[in-house]
Amino acid sequence: MTKLEVFDPPMCCSTGVCGPSVDSALVRFAADFHWLAGQGIVVDRFNLSQQPRAYVANPAVKAALMEFGNNCLPLILVNGAITSTGRYPSRQELAAMVGVEYEAPVSLPVMPSGGCC
């Protein structure tokens, strides 16, 4: 079974999707991460602020941090091999990394100003 691990930079919460100004890249990646889990991929996500031992315990992650510092984060591993560093890959890139068929994210319709109904 394919395993994807994400080693995030230090964030205030497990996904970074919190606080007064949410980074849209993190929102997109969180949705893509959950989509992968629905495709049968084993997924794990680690936050440097909350789970520093996971970074030290993984030899590939530890080596990347020693060489590049936090600039290598986020760091993506597939089956233990580094496949991406320093950015959050798109859903299409993630699908290719783990060998599943790409499905475009569903977009919700934009409501006209003034609310709904």
PDB file of N, CA and C in Angstrom:
ATOM      1  N   MET A   1       0.846  -1.181   0.000  1.00  0.00           N
ATOM      2  CA  MET A   1       0.000   0.000   0.000  1.00  0.00           C
ATOM      3  C   MET A   1       0.892   1.245   0.000  1.00  0.00           C
ATOM      4  N   THR A   2       0.511   2.235  -0.759  1.00  0.00           N
ATOM      5  CA  THR A   2       1.275   3.470  -0.863  1.00  0.00           C
ATOM      6  C   THR A   2       1.062   4.342   0.364  1.00  0.00           C
ATOM      7  N   LYS A   3       2.166   4.916   0.853  1.00  0.00           N
ATOM      8  CA  LYS A   3       2.103   5.787   2.030  1.00  0.00           C
ATOM      9  C   LYS A   3       2.683   7.153   1.679  1.00  0.00           C
ATOM     10  N   LEU A   4       1.921   8.205   1.975  1.00  0.00           N
ATOM     11  CA  LEU A   4       2.363   9.581   1.770  1.00  0.00           C
ATOM     12  C   LEU A   4       2.467  10.253   3.128  1.00  0.00           C
ATOM     13  N   GLU A   5       3.614  10.868   3.385  1.00  0.00           N
ATOM     14  CA  GLU A   5       3.823  11.584   4.640  1.00  0.00           C
ATOM     15  C   GLU A   5       4.154  13.042   4.327  1.00  0.00           C
ATOM     16  N   VAL A   6       3.566  13.927   5.082  1.00  0.00           N
ATOM     17  CA  VAL A   6       3.796  15.362   4.935  1.00  0.00           C
ATOM     18  C   VAL A   6       4.432  15.869   6.221  1.00  0.00           C
ATOM     19  N   PHE A   7       5.573  16.533   6.077  1.00  0.00           N
ATOM     20  CA  PHE A   7       6.260  17.153   7.204  1.00  0.00           C
ATOM     21  C   PHE A   7       6.156  18.663   6.995  1.00  0.00           C
ATOM     22  N   ASP A   8       5.213  19.265   7.729  1.00  0.00           N
ATOM     23  CA  ASP A   8       4.921  20.688   7.593  1.00  0.00           C
ATOM     24  C   ASP A   8       5.934  21.540   8.349  1.00  0.00           C
ATOM     25  N   PRO A   9       6.047  22.818   7.969  1.00  0.00           N
ATOM     26  CA  PRO A   9       6.821  23.749   8.787  1.00  0.00           C
ATOM     27  C   PRO A   9       6.070  24.006  10.094  1.00  0.00           C
ATOM     28  N   PRO A  10       6.674  24.716  11.033  1.00  0.00           N
ATOM     29  CA  PRO A  10       5.960  25.017  12.278  1.00  0.00           C
ATOM     30  C   PRO A  10       4.688  25.812  11.989  1.00  0.00           C
ATOM     31  N   MET A  11       3.564  25.327  12.520  1.00  0.00           N
ATOM     32  CA  MET A  11       2.281  26.002  12.354  1.00  0.00           C
ATOM     33  C   MET A  11       1.542  25.979  13.688  1.00  0.00           C
ATOM     34  N   CYS A  12       0.553  26.844  13.815  1.00  0.00           N
ATOM     35  CA  CYS A  12      -0.180  26.957  15.072  1.00  0.00           C
ATOM     36  C   CYS A  12      -1.088  25.773  15.347  1.00  0.00           C
ATOM     37  N   CYS A  13      -1.516  25.066  14.298  1.00  0.00           N
ATOM     38  CA  CYS A  13      -2.376  23.901  14.476  1.00  0.00           C
ATOM     39  C   CYS A  13      -1.959  22.823  13.486  1.00  0.00           C
ATOM     40  N   SER A  14      -2.605  21.690  13.509  1.00  0.00           N
ATOM     41  CA  SER A  14      -2.163  20.554  12.710  1.00  0.00           C
ATOM     42  C   SER A  14      -2.224  20.779  11.207  1.00  0.00           C
ATOM     43  N   THR A  15      -3.089  21.659  10.729  1.00  0.00           N
ATOM     44  CA  THR A  15      -3.211  21.892   9.292  1.00  0.00           C
ATOM     45  C   THR A  15      -2.799  23.296   8.869  1.00  0.00           C
ATOM     46  N   GLY A  16      -2.682  24.217   9.815  1.00  0.00           N
ATOM     47  CA  GLY A  16      -2.396  25.608   9.480  1.00  0.00           C
ATOM     48  C   GLY A  16      -3.618  26.361   9.002  1.00  0.00           C
ATOM     49  N   VAL A  17      -4.765  25.693   8.964  1.00  0.00           N
ATOM     50  CA  VAL A  17      -5.997  26.316   8.490  1.00  0.00           C
ATOM     51  C   VAL A  17      -6.753  26.846   9.701  1.00  0.00           C
ATOM     52  N   CYS A  18      -6.212  27.902  10.273  1.00  0.00           N
ATOM     53  CA  CYS A  18      -6.819  28.516  11.444  1.00  0.00           C
ATOM     54  C   CYS A  18      -6.322  29.958  11.544  1.00  0.00           C
ATOM     55  N   GLY A  19      -6.869  30.684  12.465  1.00  0.00           N
ATOM     56  CA  GLY A  19      -6.439  32.055  12.676  1.00  0.00           C
ATOM     57  C   GLY A  19      -7.173  33.036  11.792  1.00  0.00           C
ATOM     58  N   PRO A  20      -6.838  34.322  11.938  1.00  0.00           N
ATOM     59  CA  PRO A  20      -7.568  35.364  11.219  1.00  0.00           C
ATOM     60  C   PRO A  20      -7.264  35.434   9.724  1.00  0.00           C
ATOM     61  N   SER A  21      -6.082  35.023   9.286  1.00  0.00           N
ATOM     62  CA  SER A  21      -5.764  35.067   7.860  1.00  0.00           C
ATOM     63  C   SER A  21      -5.238  33.695   7.428  1.00  0.00           C
ATOM     64  N   VAL A  22      -6.106  32.933   6.796  1.00  0.00           N
ATOM     65  CA  VAL A  22      -5.792  31.572   6.384  1.00  0.00           C
ATOM     66  C   VAL A  22      -5.171  31.597   4.991  1.00  0.00           C
ATOM     67  N   ASP A  23      -4.061  30.879   4.842  1.00  0.00           N
ATOM     68  CA  ASP A  23      -3.370  30.763   3.557  1.00  0.00           C
ATOM     69  C   ASP A  23      -4.185  29.842   2.654  1.00  0.00           C
ATOM     70  N   SER A  24      -4.604  30.321   1.489  1.00  0.00           N
ATOM     71  CA  SER A  24      -5.433  29.515   0.585  1.00  0.00           C
ATOM     72  C   SER A  24      -4.702  28.267   0.106  1.00  0.00           C
ATOM     73  N   ALA A  25      -3.370  28.301   0.026  1.00  0.00           N
ATOM     74  CA  ALA A  25      -2.612  27.111  -0.373  1.00  0.00           C
ATOM     75  C   ALA A  25      -2.781  26.005   0.663  1.00  0.00           C
ATOM     76  N   LEU A  26      -2.849  26.366   1.935  1.00  0.00           N
ATOM     77  CA  LEU A  26      -3.047  25.372   2.993  1.00  0.00           C
ATOM     78  C   LEU A  26      -4.454  24.781   2.954  1.00  0.00           C
ATOM     79  N   VAL A  27      -5.433  25.603   2.638  1.00  0.00           N
ATOM     80  CA  VAL A  27      -6.812  25.120   2.523  1.00  0.00           C
ATOM     81  C   VAL A  27      -6.892  24.128   1.375  1.00  0.00           C
ATOM     82  N   ARG A  28      -6.321  24.481   0.229  1.00  0.00           N
ATOM     83  CA  ARG A  28      -6.317  23.594  -0.936  1.00  0.00           C
ATOM     84  C   ARG A  28      -5.606  22.296  -0.615  1.00  0.00           C
ATOM     85  N   PHE A  29      -4.433  22.392   0.021  1.00  0.00           N
ATOM     86  CA  PHE A  29      -3.664  21.194   0.313  1.00  0.00           C
ATOM     87  C   PHE A  29      -4.389  20.294   1.307  1.00  0.00           C
ATOM     88  N   ALA A  30      -5.041  20.875   2.302  1.00  0.00           N
ATOM     89  CA  ALA A  30      -5.797  20.072   3.271  1.00  0.00           C
ATOM     90  C   ALA A  30      -6.884  19.273   2.558  1.00  0.00           C
ATOM     91  N   ALA A  31      -7.575  19.891   1.614  1.00  0.00           N
ATOM     92  CA  ALA A  31      -8.609  19.185   0.850  1.00  0.00           C
ATOM     93  C   ALA A  31      -7.987  18.081  -0.003  1.00  0.00           C
ATOM     94  N   ASP A  32      -6.863  18.372  -0.630  1.00  0.00           N
ATOM     95  CA  ASP A  32      -6.189  17.377  -1.468  1.00  0.00           C
ATOM     96  C   ASP A  32      -5.661  16.220  -0.634  1.00  0.00           C
ATOM     97  N   PHE A  33      -5.165  16.508   0.548  1.00  0.00           N
ATOM     98  CA  PHE A  33      -4.657  15.500   1.466  1.00  0.00           C
ATOM     99  C   PHE A  33      -5.779  14.523   1.846  1.00  0.00           C
ATOM    100  N   HIS A  34      -6.945  15.060   2.180  1.00  0.00           N
ATOM    101  CA  HIS A  34      -8.089  14.222   2.530  1.00  0.00           C
ATOM    102  C   HIS A  34      -8.601  13.446   1.316  1.00  0.00           C
ATOM    103  N   TRP A  35      -8.523  14.045   0.136  1.00  0.00           N
ATOM    104  CA  TRP A  35      -8.913  13.352  -1.093  1.00  0.00           C
ATOM    105  C   TRP A  35      -8.029  12.126  -1.297  1.00  0.00           C
ATOM    106  N   LEU A  36      -6.714  12.279  -1.077  1.00  0.00           N
ATOM    107  CA  LEU A  36      -5.800  11.139  -1.225  1.00  0.00           C
ATOM    108  C   LEU A  36      -6.176  10.003  -0.280  1.00  0.00           C
ATOM    109  N   ALA A  37      -6.516  10.343   0.949  1.00  0.00           N
ATOM    110  CA  ALA A  37      -6.924   9.316   1.915  1.00  0.00           C
ATOM    111  C   ALA A  37      -8.146   8.559   1.402  1.00  0.00           C
ATOM    112  N   GLY A  38      -9.038   9.265   0.735  1.00  0.00           N
ATOM    113  CA  GLY A  38     -10.225   8.639   0.156  1.00  0.00           C
ATOM    114  C   GLY A  38      -9.922   7.758  -1.042  1.00  0.00           C
ATOM    115  N   GLN A  39      -8.720   7.899  -1.597  1.00  0.00           N
ATOM    116  CA  GLN A  39      -8.294   7.086  -2.739  1.00  0.00           C
ATOM    117  C   GLN A  39      -7.561   5.819  -2.291  1.00  0.00           C
ATOM    118  N   GLY A  40      -7.530   5.580  -0.982  1.00  0.00           N
ATOM    119  CA  GLY A  40      -6.875   4.390  -0.463  1.00  0.00           C
ATOM    120  C   GLY A  40      -5.403   4.576  -0.145  1.00  0.00           C
ATOM    121  N   ILE A  41      -4.933   5.794  -0.169  1.00  0.00           N
ATOM    122  CA  ILE A  41      -3.542   6.087   0.166  1.00  0.00           C
ATOM    123  C   ILE A  41      -3.446   6.262   1.685  1.00  0.00           C
ATOM    124  N   VAL A  42      -2.429   5.654   2.277  1.00  0.00           N
ATOM    125  CA  VAL A  42      -2.173   5.855   3.707  1.00  0.00           C
ATOM    126  C   VAL A  42      -1.495   7.207   3.843  1.00  0.00           C
ATOM    127  N   VAL A  43      -2.089   8.115   4.595  1.00  0.00           N
ATOM    128  CA  VAL A  43      -1.546   9.469   4.720  1.00  0.00           C
ATOM    129  C   VAL A  43      -1.257   9.802   6.178  1.00  0.00           C
ATOM    130  N   ASP A  44      -0.143  10.461   6.388  1.00  0.00           N
ATOM    131  CA  ASP A  44       0.230  10.980   7.703  1.00  0.00           C
ATOM    132  C   ASP A  44       0.743  12.395   7.515  1.00  0.00           C
ATOM    133  N   ARG A  45       0.427  13.246   8.481  1.00  0.00           N
ATOM    134  CA  ARG A  45       0.861  14.642   8.417  1.00  0.00           C
ATOM    135  C   ARG A  45       1.417  15.041   9.768  1.00  0.00           C
ATOM    136  N   PHE A  46       2.573  15.690   9.750  1.00  0.00           N
ATOM    137  CA  PHE A  46       3.261  16.075  10.965  1.00  0.00           C
ATOM    138  C   PHE A  46       3.526  17.574  10.962  1.00  0.00           C
ATOM    139  N   ASN A  47       3.409  18.181  12.135  1.00  0.00           N
ATOM    140  CA  ASN A  47       3.640  19.615  12.307  1.00  0.00           C
ATOM    141  C   ASN A  47       4.877  19.768  13.194  1.00  0.00           C
ATOM    142  N   LEU A  48       5.869  20.502  12.718  1.00  0.00           N
ATOM    143  CA  LEU A  48       7.118  20.662  13.456  1.00  0.00           C
ATOM    144  C   LEU A  48       6.890  21.247  14.851  1.00  0.00           C
ATOM    145  N   SER A  49       5.927  22.134  14.987  1.00  0.00           N
ATOM    146  CA  SER A  49       5.641  22.740  16.296  1.00  0.00           C
ATOM    147  C   SER A  49       5.084  21.736  17.297  1.00  0.00           C
ATOM    148  N   GLN A  50       4.323  20.774  16.797  1.00  0.00           N
ATOM    149  CA  GLN A  50       3.618  19.860  17.688  1.00  0.00           C
ATOM    150  C   GLN A  50       4.228  18.459  17.760  1.00  0.00           C
ATOM    151  N   GLN A  51       4.978  18.060  16.726  1.00  0.00           N
ATOM    152  CA  GLN A  51       5.513  16.698  16.677  1.00  0.00           C
ATOM    153  C   GLN A  51       6.982  16.680  16.244  1.00  0.00           C
ATOM    154  N   PRO A  52       7.855  17.393  16.930  1.00  0.00           N
ATOM    155  CA  PRO A  52       9.252  17.483  16.487  1.00  0.00           C
ATOM    156  C   PRO A  52       9.980  16.134  16.463  1.00  0.00           C
ATOM    157  N   ARG A  53       9.575  15.204  17.303  1.00  0.00           N
ATOM    158  CA  ARG A  53      10.241  13.895  17.331  1.00  0.00           C
ATOM    159  C   ARG A  53      10.092  13.144  16.019  1.00  0.00           C
ATOM    160  N   ALA A  54       8.971  13.329  15.330  1.00  0.00           N
ATOM    161  CA  ALA A  54       8.766  12.658  14.041  1.00  0.00           C
ATOM    162  C   ALA A  54       9.811  13.105  13.020  1.00  0.00           C
ATOM    163  N   TYR A  55      10.246  14.360  13.113  1.00  0.00           N
ATOM    164  CA  TYR A  55      11.232  14.911  12.177  1.00  0.00           C
ATOM    165  C   TYR A  55      12.613  14.328  12.456  1.00  0.00           C
ATOM    166  N   VAL A  56      12.938  14.178  13.718  1.00  0.00           N
ATOM    167  CA  VAL A  56      14.235  13.644  14.117  1.00  0.00           C
ATOM    168  C   VAL A  56      14.293  12.135  13.887  1.00  0.00           C
ATOM    169  N   ALA A  57      13.166  11.463  14.055  1.00  0.00           N
ATOM    170  CA  ALA A  57      13.120  10.007  13.934  1.00  0.00           C
ATOM    171  C   ALA A  57      13.211   9.523  12.489  1.00  0.00           C
ATOM    172  N   ASN A  58      12.889  10.385  11.517  1.00  0.00           N
ATOM    173  CA  ASN A  58      12.931   9.984  10.117  1.00  0.00           C
ATOM    174  C   ASN A  58      14.276  10.411   9.520  1.00  0.00           C
ATOM    175  N   PRO A  59      15.133   9.469   9.131  1.00  0.00           N
ATOM    176  CA  PRO A  59      16.471   9.814   8.637  1.00  0.00           C
ATOM    177  C   PRO A  59      16.476  10.744   7.421  1.00  0.00           C
ATOM    178  N   ALA A  60      15.548  10.554   6.490  1.00  0.00           N
ATOM    179  CA  ALA A  60      15.504  11.401   5.290  1.00  0.00           C
ATOM    180  C   ALA A  60      15.124  12.837   5.656  1.00  0.00           C
ATOM    181  N   VAL A  61      14.147  12.981   6.531  1.00  0.00           N
ATOM    182  CA  VAL A  61      13.698  14.308   6.955  1.00  0.00           C
ATOM    183  C   VAL A  61      14.790  14.990   7.772  1.00  0.00           C
ATOM    184  N   LYS A  62      15.387  14.258   8.683  1.00  0.00           N
ATOM    185  CA  LYS A  62      16.460  14.816   9.515  1.00  0.00           C
ATOM    186  C   LYS A  62      17.623  15.304   8.646  1.00  0.00           C
ATOM    187  N   ALA A  63      18.013  14.509   7.657  1.00  0.00           N
ATOM    188  CA  ALA A  63      19.121  14.898   6.765  1.00  0.00           C
ATOM    189  C   ALA A  63      18.776  16.151   5.967  1.00  0.00           C
ATOM    190  N   ALA A  64      17.546  16.225   5.466  1.00  0.00           N
ATOM    191  CA  ALA A  64      17.122  17.411   4.701  1.00  0.00           C
ATOM    192  C   ALA A  64      17.135  18.655   5.586  1.00  0.00           C
ATOM    193  N   LEU A  65      16.657  18.524   6.811  1.00  0.00           N
ATOM    194  CA  LEU A  65      16.668  19.664   7.730  1.00  0.00           C
ATOM    195  C   LEU A  65      18.095  20.089   8.081  1.00  0.00           C
ATOM    196  N   MET A  66      18.976  19.129   8.249  1.00  0.00           N
ATOM    197  CA  MET A  66      20.377  19.454   8.563  1.00  0.00           C
ATOM    198  C   MET A  66      21.033  20.201   7.407  1.00  0.00           C
ATOM    199  N   GLU A  67      20.706  19.809   6.182  1.00  0.00           N
ATOM    200  CA  GLU A  67      21.326  20.426   5.006  1.00  0.00           C
ATOM    201  C   GLU A  67      20.681  21.746   4.605  1.00  0.00           C
ATOM    202  N   PHE A  68      19.344  21.804   4.652  1.00  0.00           N
ATOM    203  CA  PHE A  68      18.631  22.964   4.111  1.00  0.00           C
ATOM    204  C   PHE A  68      17.869  23.787   5.153  1.00  0.00           C
ATOM    205  N   GLY A  69      17.809  23.327   6.391  1.00  0.00           N
ATOM    206  CA  GLY A  69      17.028  24.025   7.400  1.00  0.00           C
ATOM    207  C   GLY A  69      15.549  23.937   7.080  1.00  0.00           C
ATOM    208  N   ASN A  70      14.772  24.824   7.666  1.00  0.00           N
ATOM    209  CA  ASN A  70      13.319  24.810   7.460  1.00  0.00           C
ATOM    210  C   ASN A  70      12.899  25.144   6.038  1.00  0.00           C
ATOM    211  N   ASN A  71      13.845  25.595   5.184  1.00  0.00           N
ATOM    212  CA  ASN A  71      13.503  25.907   3.798  1.00  0.00           C
ATOM    213  C   ASN A  71      13.040  24.682   3.025  1.00  0.00           C
ATOM    214  N   CYS A  72      13.365  23.477   3.507  1.00  0.00           N
ATOM    215  CA  CYS A  72      12.930  22.260   2.808  1.00  0.00           C
ATOM    216  C   CYS A  72      11.488  21.886   3.151  1.00  0.00           C
ATOM    217  N   LEU A  73      10.900  22.576   4.110  1.00  0.00           N
ATOM    218  CA  LEU A  73       9.528  22.279   4.529  1.00  0.00           C
ATOM    219  C   LEU A  73       8.526  23.130   3.768  1.00  0.00           C
ATOM    220  N   PRO A  74       7.370  22.621   3.431  1.00  0.00           N
ATOM    221  CA  PRO A  74       6.918  21.270   3.677  1.00  0.00           C
ATOM    222  C   PRO A  74       7.698  20.258   2.844  1.00  0.00           C
ATOM    223  N   LEU A  75       7.862  19.092   3.417  1.00  0.00           N
ATOM    224  CA  LEU A  75       8.597  18.012   2.779  1.00  0.00           C
ATOM    225  C   LEU A  75       7.638  16.834   2.637  1.00  0.00           C
ATOM    226  N   ILE A  76       7.559  16.282   1.426  1.00  0.00           N
ATOM    227  CA  ILE A  76       6.627  15.193   1.139  1.00  0.00           C
ATOM    228  C   ILE A  76       7.432  13.920   0.870  1.00  0.00           C
ATOM    229  N   LEU A  77       7.061  12.845   1.543  1.00  0.00           N
ATOM    230  CA  LEU A  77       7.656  11.531   1.312  1.00  0.00           C
ATOM    231  C   LEU A  77       6.589  10.590   0.786  1.00  0.00           C
ATOM    232  N   VAL A  78       6.959   9.782  -0.197  1.00  0.00           N
ATOM    233  CA  VAL A  78       6.096   8.709  -0.675  1.00  0.00           C
ATOM    234  C   VAL A  78       6.876   7.420  -0.493  1.00  0.00           C
ATOM    235  N   ASN A  79       6.318   6.531   0.311  1.00  0.00           N
ATOM    236  CA  ASN A  79       6.974   5.264   0.639  1.00  0.00           C
ATOM    237  C   ASN A  79       8.408   5.487   1.126  1.00  0.00           C
ATOM    238  N   GLY A  80       8.597   6.547   1.921  1.00  0.00           N
ATOM    239  CA  GLY A  80       9.887   6.828   2.545  1.00  0.00           C
ATOM    240  C   GLY A  80      10.852   7.644   1.716  1.00  0.00           C
ATOM    241  N   ALA A  81      10.534   7.910   0.456  1.00  0.00           N
ATOM    242  CA  ALA A  81      11.428   8.679  -0.427  1.00  0.00           C
ATOM    243  C   ALA A  81      10.906  10.108  -0.576  1.00  0.00           C
ATOM    244  N   ILE A  82      11.807  11.077  -0.520  1.00  0.00           N
ATOM    245  CA  ILE A  82      11.427  12.483  -0.684  1.00  0.00           C
ATOM    246  C   ILE A  82      10.981  12.716  -2.118  1.00  0.00           C
ATOM    247  N   THR A  83       9.778  13.272  -2.275  1.00  0.00           N
ATOM    248  CA  THR A  83       9.242  13.553  -3.609  1.00  0.00           C
ATOM    249  C   THR A  83       8.997  15.040  -3.850  1.00  0.00           C
ATOM    250  N   SER A  84       9.002  15.845  -2.788  1.00  0.00           N
ATOM    251  CA  SER A  84       8.768  17.280  -2.938  1.00  0.00           C
ATOM    252  C   SER A  84       9.293  17.995  -1.699  1.00  0.00           C
ATOM    253  N   THR A  85       9.888  19.177  -1.918  1.00  0.00           N
ATOM    254  CA  THR A  85      10.359  19.994  -0.798  1.00  0.00           C
ATOM    255  C   THR A  85      10.038  21.458  -1.045  1.00  0.00           C
ATOM    256  N   GLY A  86       9.803  22.171   0.047  1.00  0.00           N
ATOM    257  CA  GLY A  86       9.679  23.620   0.002  1.00  0.00           C
ATOM    258  C   GLY A  86       8.390  24.191  -0.514  1.00  0.00           C
ATOM    259  N   ARG A  87       7.407  23.342  -0.825  1.00  0.00           N
ATOM    260  CA  ARG A  87       6.122  23.852  -1.326  1.00  0.00           C
ATOM    261  C   ARG A  87       5.081  22.745  -1.212  1.00  0.00           C
ATOM    262  N   TYR A  88       3.814  23.147  -1.295  1.00  0.00           N
ATOM    263  CA  TYR A  88       2.725  22.181  -1.286  1.00  0.00           C
ATOM    264  C   TYR A  88       2.371  21.839  -2.731  1.00  0.00           C
ATOM    265  N   PRO A  89       2.533  20.580  -3.127  1.00  0.00           N
ATOM    266  CA  PRO A  89       2.213  20.194  -4.510  1.00  0.00           C
ATOM    267  C   PRO A  89       0.716  20.295  -4.792  1.00  0.00           C
ATOM    268  N   SER A  90       0.392  20.419  -6.063  1.00  0.00           N
ATOM    269  CA  SER A  90      -1.011  20.444  -6.482  1.00  0.00           C
ATOM    270  C   SER A  90      -1.605  19.036  -6.373  1.00  0.00           C
ATOM    271  N   ARG A  91      -2.914  18.950  -6.453  1.00  0.00           N
ATOM    272  CA  ARG A  91      -3.588  17.649  -6.421  1.00  0.00           C
ATOM    273  C   ARG A  91      -3.107  16.780  -7.577  1.00  0.00           C
ATOM    274  N   GLN A  92      -2.928  17.386  -8.729  1.00  0.00           N
ATOM    275  CA  GLN A  92      -2.466  16.628  -9.896  1.00  0.00           C
ATOM    276  C   GLN A  92      -1.063  16.057  -9.646  1.00  0.00           C
ATOM    277  N   GLU A  93      -0.182  16.848  -9.043  1.00  0.00           N
ATOM    278  CA  GLU A  93       1.158  16.361  -8.711  1.00  0.00           C
ATOM    279  C   GLU A  93       1.100  15.256  -7.666  1.00  0.00           C
ATOM    280  N   LEU A  94       0.270  15.432  -6.644  1.00  0.00           N
ATOM    281  CA  LEU A  94       0.121  14.411  -5.611  1.00  0.00           C
ATOM    282  C   LEU A  94      -0.384  13.093  -6.207  1.00  0.00           C
ATOM    283  N   ALA A  95      -1.375  13.178  -7.091  1.00  0.00           N
ATOM    284  CA  ALA A  95      -1.916  11.974  -7.734  1.00  0.00           C
ATOM    285  C   ALA A  95      -0.812  11.242  -8.492  1.00  0.00           C
ATOM    286  N   ALA A  96       0.010  11.993  -9.219  1.00  0.00           N
ATOM    287  CA  ALA A  96       1.111  11.374  -9.969  1.00  0.00           C
ATOM    288  C   ALA A  96       2.135  10.744  -9.025  1.00  0.00           C
ATOM    289  N   MET A  97       2.414  11.388  -7.908  1.00  0.00           N
ATOM    290  CA  MET A  97       3.387  10.868  -6.941  1.00  0.00           C
ATOM    291  C   MET A  97       2.986   9.512  -6.390  1.00  0.00           C
ATOM    292  N   VAL A  98       1.692   9.334  -6.151  1.00  0.00           N
ATOM    293  CA  VAL A  98       1.222   8.105  -5.503  1.00  0.00           C
ATOM    294  C   VAL A  98       0.576   7.123  -6.477  1.00  0.00           C
ATOM    295  N   GLY A  99       0.470   7.504  -7.741  1.00  0.00           N
ATOM    296  CA  GLY A  99      -0.040   6.588  -8.757  1.00  0.00           C
ATOM    297  C   GLY A  99      -1.536   6.380  -8.760  1.00  0.00           C
ATOM    298  N   VAL A 100      -2.289   7.442  -8.470  1.00  0.00           N
ATOM    299  CA  VAL A 100      -3.748   7.350  -8.585  1.00  0.00           C
ATOM    300  C   VAL A 100      -4.207   8.284  -9.695  1.00  0.00           C
ATOM    301  N   GLU A 101      -5.400   8.006 -10.202  1.00  0.00           N
ATOM    302  CA  GLU A 101      -5.946   8.835 -11.267  1.00  0.00           C
ATOM    303  C   GLU A 101      -6.370  10.192 -10.705  1.00  0.00           C
ATOM    304  N   TYR A 102      -5.962  11.236 -11.385  1.00  0.00           N
ATOM    305  CA  TYR A 102      -6.276  12.607 -10.956  1.00  0.00           C
ATOM    306  C   TYR A 102      -7.763  12.889 -11.144  1.00  0.00           C
ATOM    307  N   GLU A 103      -8.375  13.499 -10.149  1.00  0.00           N
ATOM    308  CA  GLU A 103      -9.737  14.009 -10.232  1.00  0.00           C
ATOM    309  C   GLU A 103      -9.698  15.471  -9.828  1.00  0.00           C
ATOM    310  N   ALA A 104     -10.221  16.324 -10.676  1.00  0.00           N
ATOM    311  CA  ALA A 104     -10.238  17.749 -10.358  1.00  0.00           C
ATOM    312  C   ALA A 104     -11.093  17.992  -9.126  1.00  0.00           C
ATOM    313  N   PRO A 105     -10.658  18.929  -8.273  1.00  0.00           N
ATOM    314  CA  PRO A 105     -11.471  19.261  -7.101  1.00  0.00           C
ATOM    315  C   PRO A 105     -12.812  19.846  -7.519  1.00  0.00           C
ATOM    316  N   VAL A 106     -13.818  19.586  -6.725  1.00  0.00           N
ATOM    317  CA  VAL A 106     -15.141  20.147  -6.983  1.00  0.00           C
ATOM    318  C   VAL A 106     -15.139  21.581  -6.489  1.00  0.00           C
ATOM    319  N   SER A 107     -15.539  22.497  -7.340  1.00  0.00           N
ATOM    320  CA  SER A 107     -15.624  23.905  -6.947  1.00  0.00           C
ATOM    321  C   SER A 107     -17.057  24.226  -6.556  1.00  0.00           C
ATOM    322  N   LEU A 108     -17.196  24.927  -5.469  1.00  0.00           N
ATOM    323  CA  LEU A 108     -18.528  25.373  -5.053  1.00  0.00           C
ATOM    324  C   LEU A 108     -18.861  26.650  -5.782  1.00  0.00           C
ATOM    325  N   PRO A 109     -20.117  26.844  -6.132  1.00  0.00           N
ATOM    326  CA  PRO A 109     -20.490  28.075  -6.826  1.00  0.00           C
ATOM    327  C   PRO A 109     -20.283  29.293  -5.936  1.00  0.00           C
ATOM    328  N   VAL A 110     -19.899  30.385  -6.556  1.00  0.00           N
ATOM    329  CA  VAL A 110     -19.712  31.629  -5.828  1.00  0.00           C
ATOM    330  C   VAL A 110     -21.058  32.300  -5.670  1.00  0.00           C
ATOM    331  N   MET A 111     -21.380  32.675  -4.457  1.00  0.00           N
ATOM    332  CA  MET A 111     -22.651  33.322  -4.194  1.00  0.00           C
ATOM    333  C   MET A 111     -22.562  34.805  -4.563  1.00  0.00           C
ATOM    334  N   PRO A 112     -23.618  35.338  -5.133  1.00  0.00           N
ATOM    335  CA  PRO A 112     -23.601  36.779  -5.417  1.00  0.00           C
ATOM    336  C   PRO A 112     -23.513  37.575  -4.129  1.00  0.00           C
ATOM    337  N   SER A 113     -22.975  38.772  -4.228  1.00  0.00           N
ATOM    338  CA  SER A 113     -22.873  39.590  -3.009  1.00  0.00           C
ATOM    339  C   SER A 113     -24.278  39.823  -2.468  1.00  0.00           C
ATOM    340  N   GLY A 114     -24.351  39.882  -1.177  1.00  0.00           N
ATOM    341  CA  GLY A 114     -25.654  40.043  -0.550  1.00  0.00           C
ATOM    342  C   GLY A 114     -26.155  38.743   0.054  1.00  0.00           C
ATOM    343  N   GLY A 115     -25.376  37.664  -0.111  1.00  0.00           N
ATOM    344  CA  GLY A 115     -25.740  36.401   0.534  1.00  0.00           C
ATOM    345  C   GLY A 115     -26.521  35.498  -0.374  1.00  0.00           C
ATOM    346  N   CYS A 116     -27.117  34.522   0.213  1.00  0.00           N
ATOM    347  CA  CYS A 116     -27.877  33.561  -0.579  1.00  0.00           C
ATOM    348  C   CYS A 116     -29.369  33.819  -0.460  1.00  0.00           C
ATOM    349  N   CYS A 117     -30.083  33.151  -1.270  1.00  0.00           N
ATOM    350  CA  CYS A 117     -31.556  33.104  -1.265  1.00  0.00           C
ATOM    351  C   CYS A 117     -32.151  34.428  -1.555  1.00  0.00           C
TER     352      CYS A 117
END
